[in-house]
């Protein structure tokens, strides 16, 4: 374990108590412990649409399901409105839909590729 890990800092950063317990156990028993923290803030906004299709194919999703999901994400636009004026259309090329129950599954399938 690296020298100088401050467990009070871990608590300040709101690291889960189970991870803090692992850190304490490793320190007490002089075991090596490797930890990776992944910041997923704004993560749903950052998923490229091509990545969701690739992840679905990689996990053997039926072609019909892939087509339906691709249809939901192709030719999607947004605009910015302010005081009764709107911007021109902005094509969305990344991100899963906020509030869609399928979004967390799609996000997890894409992130899962990082761990293989």
N, C-alpha and C. Protein backbone atom coordinates (compact mmCIF):
# COMPACT_ATOMS: atom_id res chain seq x y z
N UNK A 1 0.85 -1.18 0.00
CA UNK A 1 0.00 0.00 0.00
C UNK A 1 0.89 1.23 0.00
N UNK A 2 0.54 2.24 -0.83
CA UNK A 2 1.36 3.44 -0.87
C UNK A 2 1.42 4.11 0.49
N UNK A 3 2.58 4.65 0.79
CA UNK A 3 2.77 5.35 2.05
C UNK A 3 2.01 6.66 1.99
N UNK A 4 1.39 7.05 3.10
CA UNK A 4 0.77 8.36 3.18
C UNK A 4 -0.69 8.41 2.84
N UNK A 5 -1.37 7.26 2.66
CA UNK A 5 -2.81 7.31 2.42
C UNK A 5 -3.48 7.74 3.71
N UNK A 6 -4.26 8.78 3.62
CA UNK A 6 -4.95 9.35 4.77
C UNK A 6 -6.40 8.89 4.75
N UNK A 7 -6.77 8.03 5.69
CA UNK A 7 -8.13 7.50 5.71
C UNK A 7 -9.16 8.57 6.03
N UNK A 8 -8.76 9.62 6.75
CA UNK A 8 -9.72 10.70 7.00
C UNK A 8 -10.04 11.44 5.70
N UNK A 9 -9.07 11.52 4.79
CA UNK A 9 -9.33 12.11 3.48
C UNK A 9 -10.33 11.26 2.71
N UNK A 10 -10.21 9.96 2.80
CA UNK A 10 -11.15 9.06 2.14
C UNK A 10 -12.57 9.31 2.63
N UNK A 11 -12.71 9.55 3.93
CA UNK A 11 -14.03 9.84 4.48
C UNK A 11 -14.53 11.20 4.00
N UNK A 12 -13.65 12.17 3.92
CA UNK A 12 -14.02 13.50 3.44
C UNK A 12 -14.49 13.44 1.99
N UNK A 13 -13.87 12.61 1.18
CA UNK A 13 -14.24 12.48 -0.23
C UNK A 13 -15.48 11.62 -0.44
N UNK A 14 -16.08 11.18 0.65
CA UNK A 14 -17.29 10.36 0.61
C UNK A 14 -17.09 9.03 -0.10
N UNK A 15 -15.93 8.46 0.12
CA UNK A 15 -15.65 7.13 -0.40
C UNK A 15 -16.46 6.15 0.44
N UNK A 16 -17.12 5.20 -0.18
CA UNK A 16 -17.99 4.27 0.56
C UNK A 16 -17.26 3.58 1.72
N UNK A 17 -18.01 3.34 2.78
CA UNK A 17 -17.43 2.73 3.98
C UNK A 17 -16.83 1.36 3.70
N UNK A 18 -17.39 0.63 2.74
CA UNK A 18 -16.84 -0.69 2.41
C UNK A 18 -15.43 -0.56 1.83
N UNK A 19 -15.19 0.48 1.04
CA UNK A 19 -13.85 0.70 0.50
C UNK A 19 -12.89 1.15 1.59
N UNK A 20 -13.37 1.98 2.49
CA UNK A 20 -12.54 2.41 3.63
C UNK A 20 -12.16 1.20 4.46
N UNK A 21 -13.10 0.29 4.67
CA UNK A 21 -12.81 -0.93 5.43
C UNK A 21 -11.74 -1.77 4.72
N UNK A 22 -11.82 -1.86 3.40
CA UNK A 22 -10.79 -2.58 2.64
C UNK A 22 -9.43 -1.92 2.79
N UNK A 23 -9.39 -0.60 2.73
CA UNK A 23 -8.14 0.14 2.89
C UNK A 23 -7.53 -0.13 4.27
N UNK A 24 -8.38 -0.08 5.29
CA UNK A 24 -7.90 -0.33 6.66
C UNK A 24 -7.38 -1.75 6.79
N UNK A 25 -8.11 -2.71 6.23
CA UNK A 25 -7.71 -4.11 6.31
C UNK A 25 -6.37 -4.33 5.61
N UNK A 26 -6.20 -3.73 4.43
CA UNK A 26 -4.94 -3.88 3.69
C UNK A 26 -3.79 -3.26 4.45
N UNK A 27 -4.04 -2.10 5.04
CA UNK A 27 -2.97 -1.45 5.80
C UNK A 27 -2.60 -2.29 7.03
N UNK A 28 -3.61 -2.77 7.75
CA UNK A 28 -3.37 -3.56 8.96
C UNK A 28 -2.59 -4.83 8.66
N UNK A 29 -2.93 -5.49 7.55
CA UNK A 29 -2.30 -6.76 7.19
C UNK A 29 -1.14 -6.60 6.22
N UNK A 30 -0.79 -5.38 5.94
CA UNK A 30 0.32 -5.07 5.02
C UNK A 30 0.15 -5.76 3.66
N UNK A 31 -1.09 -5.71 3.15
CA UNK A 31 -1.41 -6.28 1.83
C UNK A 31 -1.42 -5.16 0.80
N UNK A 32 -1.09 -5.52 -0.42
CA UNK A 32 -1.24 -4.57 -1.52
C UNK A 32 -2.72 -4.47 -1.89
N UNK A 33 -3.15 -3.28 -2.20
CA UNK A 33 -4.52 -3.05 -2.63
C UNK A 33 -4.49 -2.00 -3.72
N UNK A 34 -5.08 -2.32 -4.86
CA UNK A 34 -5.11 -1.40 -5.99
C UNK A 34 -6.54 -0.94 -6.18
N UNK A 35 -6.73 0.37 -6.23
CA UNK A 35 -8.06 0.94 -6.32
C UNK A 35 -8.10 1.91 -7.49
N UNK A 36 -9.19 1.87 -8.22
CA UNK A 36 -9.42 2.82 -9.31
C UNK A 36 -10.76 3.48 -9.07
N UNK A 37 -10.76 4.79 -8.97
CA UNK A 37 -12.00 5.54 -8.81
C UNK A 37 -12.35 6.16 -10.17
N UNK A 38 -13.57 5.98 -10.59
CA UNK A 38 -14.01 6.44 -11.89
C UNK A 38 -15.02 7.56 -11.71
N UNK A 39 -14.71 8.74 -12.19
CA UNK A 39 -15.62 9.88 -12.11
C UNK A 39 -16.58 9.79 -13.29
N UNK A 40 -17.84 9.53 -13.00
CA UNK A 40 -18.83 9.38 -14.05
C UNK A 40 -19.81 10.55 -14.10
N UNK A 41 -19.38 11.69 -13.57
CA UNK A 41 -20.24 12.87 -13.68
C UNK A 41 -20.37 13.24 -15.15
N UNK A 42 -21.54 13.57 -15.55
CA UNK A 42 -21.86 13.89 -16.95
C UNK A 42 -21.63 12.70 -17.88
N UNK A 43 -21.55 11.51 -17.31
CA UNK A 43 -21.22 10.33 -18.10
C UNK A 43 -22.30 10.01 -19.13
N UNK A 44 -23.56 10.14 -18.76
CA UNK A 44 -24.64 9.82 -19.70
C UNK A 44 -24.57 10.73 -20.92
N UNK A 45 -24.06 11.95 -20.75
CA UNK A 45 -23.97 12.90 -21.85
C UNK A 45 -22.82 12.58 -22.81
N UNK A 46 -21.90 11.75 -22.39
CA UNK A 46 -20.67 11.56 -23.15
C UNK A 46 -20.60 10.28 -23.97
N UNK A 47 -21.61 9.45 -23.92
CA UNK A 47 -21.57 8.15 -24.61
C UNK A 47 -21.86 8.35 -26.10
N UNK A 48 -20.87 8.09 -26.97
CA UNK A 48 -21.13 8.20 -28.42
C UNK A 48 -22.17 7.17 -28.86
N UNK A 49 -23.07 7.57 -29.75
CA UNK A 49 -24.12 6.67 -30.19
C UNK A 49 -23.55 5.42 -30.86
N UNK A 50 -22.44 5.56 -31.55
CA UNK A 50 -21.80 4.39 -32.18
C UNK A 50 -21.36 3.38 -31.12
N UNK A 51 -20.98 3.87 -29.95
CA UNK A 51 -20.53 2.97 -28.88
C UNK A 51 -21.67 2.12 -28.34
N UNK A 52 -22.87 2.69 -28.29
CA UNK A 52 -24.00 1.90 -27.80
C UNK A 52 -24.32 0.77 -28.77
N UNK A 53 -24.28 1.08 -30.07
CA UNK A 53 -24.53 0.02 -31.05
C UNK A 53 -23.47 -1.07 -30.96
N UNK A 54 -22.20 -0.67 -30.87
CA UNK A 54 -21.11 -1.65 -30.77
C UNK A 54 -21.28 -2.52 -29.52
N UNK A 55 -21.63 -1.90 -28.39
CA UNK A 55 -21.80 -2.65 -27.15
C UNK A 55 -22.97 -3.63 -27.24
N UNK A 56 -24.04 -3.21 -27.89
CA UNK A 56 -25.19 -4.12 -28.07
C UNK A 56 -24.80 -5.32 -28.93
N UNK A 57 -24.09 -5.06 -30.01
CA UNK A 57 -23.66 -6.16 -30.88
C UNK A 57 -22.69 -7.09 -30.14
N UNK A 58 -21.81 -6.50 -29.37
CA UNK A 58 -20.82 -7.28 -28.61
C UNK A 58 -21.50 -8.21 -27.60
N UNK A 59 -22.66 -7.79 -27.12
CA UNK A 59 -23.39 -8.58 -26.14
C UNK A 59 -24.52 -9.40 -26.78
N UNK A 60 -24.43 -9.57 -28.09
CA UNK A 60 -25.35 -10.43 -28.84
C UNK A 60 -26.81 -10.03 -28.72
N UNK A 61 -27.07 -8.73 -28.71
CA UNK A 61 -28.46 -8.27 -28.71
C UNK A 61 -29.07 -8.60 -30.07
N UNK A 62 -30.35 -8.91 -30.10
CA UNK A 62 -31.00 -9.21 -31.39
C UNK A 62 -30.96 -7.99 -32.32
N UNK A 63 -30.80 -8.25 -33.61
CA UNK A 63 -30.71 -7.16 -34.59
C UNK A 63 -31.94 -6.24 -34.54
N UNK A 64 -33.10 -6.82 -34.31
CA UNK A 64 -34.32 -6.01 -34.25
C UNK A 64 -34.24 -5.00 -33.10
N UNK A 65 -33.73 -5.42 -31.95
CA UNK A 65 -33.58 -4.52 -30.80
C UNK A 65 -32.55 -3.43 -31.11
N UNK A 66 -31.45 -3.81 -31.73
CA UNK A 66 -30.41 -2.84 -32.10
C UNK A 66 -31.00 -1.80 -33.06
N UNK A 67 -31.79 -2.25 -34.02
CA UNK A 67 -32.41 -1.33 -34.98
C UNK A 67 -33.36 -0.36 -34.28
N UNK A 68 -34.14 -0.86 -33.34
CA UNK A 68 -35.09 0.00 -32.60
C UNK A 68 -34.34 1.05 -31.80
N UNK A 69 -33.29 0.63 -31.11
CA UNK A 69 -32.50 1.57 -30.30
C UNK A 69 -31.78 2.58 -31.19
N UNK A 70 -31.19 2.10 -32.29
CA UNK A 70 -30.53 3.02 -33.22
C UNK A 70 -31.52 4.04 -33.77
N UNK A 71 -32.74 3.61 -34.03
CA UNK A 71 -33.77 4.51 -34.55
C UNK A 71 -34.08 5.63 -33.54
N UNK A 72 -34.05 5.30 -32.26
CA UNK A 72 -34.30 6.31 -31.22
C UNK A 72 -33.20 7.36 -31.15
N UNK A 73 -32.00 7.01 -31.61
CA UNK A 73 -30.86 7.91 -31.48
C UNK A 73 -30.38 8.50 -32.81
N UNK A 74 -31.02 8.13 -33.92
CA UNK A 74 -30.59 8.70 -35.20
C UNK A 74 -31.48 9.89 -35.55
N UNK A 75 -30.87 10.87 -36.19
CA UNK A 75 -31.57 12.09 -36.58
C UNK A 75 -32.27 12.77 -35.40
N UNK A 76 -31.56 12.88 -34.28
CA UNK A 76 -32.09 13.53 -33.08
C UNK A 76 -31.43 14.90 -32.97
N UNK A 77 -32.25 15.91 -32.74
CA UNK A 77 -31.77 17.27 -32.66
C UNK A 77 -32.31 17.94 -31.40
N UNK A 78 -31.65 19.00 -31.01
CA UNK A 78 -32.13 19.84 -29.92
C UNK A 78 -31.90 21.29 -30.33
N UNK A 79 -32.46 22.20 -29.58
CA UNK A 79 -32.20 23.62 -29.81
C UNK A 79 -32.26 24.32 -28.46
N UNK A 80 -31.70 25.50 -28.43
CA UNK A 80 -31.67 26.29 -27.21
C UNK A 80 -32.69 27.42 -27.36
N UNK A 81 -33.60 27.50 -26.40
CA UNK A 81 -34.63 28.54 -26.44
C UNK A 81 -34.42 29.53 -25.31
N UNK A 82 -34.63 30.80 -25.63
CA UNK A 82 -34.50 31.86 -24.63
C UNK A 82 -35.35 33.03 -25.07
N UNK A 83 -36.25 33.47 -24.20
CA UNK A 83 -37.13 34.60 -24.49
C UNK A 83 -37.81 34.48 -25.85
N UNK A 84 -38.47 33.38 -26.06
CA UNK A 84 -39.25 33.12 -27.27
C UNK A 84 -38.42 33.05 -28.55
N UNK A 85 -37.11 32.96 -28.44
CA UNK A 85 -36.25 32.76 -29.60
C UNK A 85 -35.55 31.42 -29.44
N UNK A 86 -35.28 30.77 -30.56
CA UNK A 86 -34.62 29.47 -30.53
C UNK A 86 -33.42 29.46 -31.48
N UNK A 87 -32.42 28.68 -31.10
CA UNK A 87 -31.25 28.52 -31.95
C UNK A 87 -31.60 27.61 -33.12
N UNK A 88 -30.68 27.50 -34.04
CA UNK A 88 -30.85 26.52 -35.10
C UNK A 88 -30.72 25.13 -34.47
N UNK A 89 -31.16 24.14 -35.19
CA UNK A 89 -31.09 22.76 -34.69
C UNK A 89 -29.65 22.34 -34.47
N UNK A 90 -29.44 21.60 -33.38
CA UNK A 90 -28.12 21.05 -33.04
C UNK A 90 -28.27 19.53 -33.05
N UNK A 91 -27.51 18.87 -33.92
CA UNK A 91 -27.60 17.41 -34.01
C UNK A 91 -26.90 16.78 -32.81
N UNK A 92 -27.58 15.82 -32.19
CA UNK A 92 -27.00 15.10 -31.04
C UNK A 92 -26.31 13.84 -31.55
N UNK A 93 -25.02 13.75 -31.29
CA UNK A 93 -24.23 12.59 -31.73
C UNK A 93 -23.76 11.74 -30.57
N UNK A 94 -24.03 12.19 -29.37
CA UNK A 94 -23.60 11.43 -28.20
C UNK A 94 -24.59 11.65 -27.07
N UNK A 95 -24.52 10.75 -26.11
CA UNK A 95 -25.38 10.84 -24.94
C UNK A 95 -26.54 9.88 -25.01
N UNK A 96 -26.90 9.34 -23.87
CA UNK A 96 -28.12 8.53 -23.77
C UNK A 96 -29.19 9.41 -23.15
N UNK A 97 -30.43 9.08 -23.41
CA UNK A 97 -31.55 9.92 -23.02
C UNK A 97 -31.74 9.92 -21.50
N UNK A 98 -31.80 11.11 -20.94
CA UNK A 98 -32.01 11.25 -19.50
C UNK A 98 -33.43 10.79 -19.15
N UNK A 99 -33.53 9.97 -18.12
CA UNK A 99 -34.84 9.51 -17.66
C UNK A 99 -35.36 8.28 -18.37
N UNK A 100 -34.71 7.84 -19.42
CA UNK A 100 -35.13 6.64 -20.14
C UNK A 100 -34.63 5.43 -19.36
N UNK A 101 -35.52 4.51 -19.01
CA UNK A 101 -35.08 3.33 -18.23
C UNK A 101 -34.00 2.51 -18.94
N UNK A 102 -33.94 2.59 -20.25
CA UNK A 102 -32.95 1.83 -21.01
C UNK A 102 -31.56 2.48 -20.94
N UNK A 103 -31.49 3.76 -20.60
CA UNK A 103 -30.23 4.50 -20.63
C UNK A 103 -29.17 3.93 -19.71
N UNK A 104 -29.55 3.55 -18.51
CA UNK A 104 -28.54 3.02 -17.58
C UNK A 104 -27.99 1.69 -18.09
N UNK A 105 -28.83 0.88 -18.71
CA UNK A 105 -28.35 -0.38 -19.29
C UNK A 105 -27.38 -0.10 -20.44
N UNK A 106 -27.74 0.81 -21.32
CA UNK A 106 -26.87 1.15 -22.44
C UNK A 106 -25.54 1.70 -21.94
N UNK A 107 -25.60 2.58 -20.96
CA UNK A 107 -24.38 3.14 -20.39
C UNK A 107 -23.50 2.05 -19.80
N UNK A 108 -24.09 1.15 -19.03
CA UNK A 108 -23.33 0.06 -18.40
C UNK A 108 -22.71 -0.87 -19.44
N UNK A 109 -23.41 -1.13 -20.53
CA UNK A 109 -22.84 -1.98 -21.58
C UNK A 109 -21.62 -1.33 -22.22
N UNK A 110 -21.69 -0.01 -22.42
CA UNK A 110 -20.55 0.71 -23.00
C UNK A 110 -19.38 0.74 -22.03
N UNK A 111 -19.64 1.03 -20.77
CA UNK A 111 -18.57 1.10 -19.76
C UNK A 111 -17.95 -0.29 -19.57
N UNK A 112 -18.76 -1.33 -19.68
CA UNK A 112 -18.26 -2.69 -19.51
C UNK A 112 -17.12 -3.00 -20.47
N UNK A 113 -17.16 -2.38 -21.66
CA UNK A 113 -16.08 -2.59 -22.64
C UNK A 113 -14.74 -2.11 -22.10
N UNK A 114 -14.76 -1.12 -21.25
CA UNK A 114 -13.51 -0.58 -20.69
C UNK A 114 -12.79 -1.60 -19.83
N UNK A 115 -13.53 -2.52 -19.27
CA UNK A 115 -12.95 -3.48 -18.32
C UNK A 115 -12.55 -4.79 -18.96
N UNK A 116 -12.73 -4.91 -20.26
CA UNK A 116 -12.30 -6.14 -20.95
C UNK A 116 -10.97 -5.97 -21.61
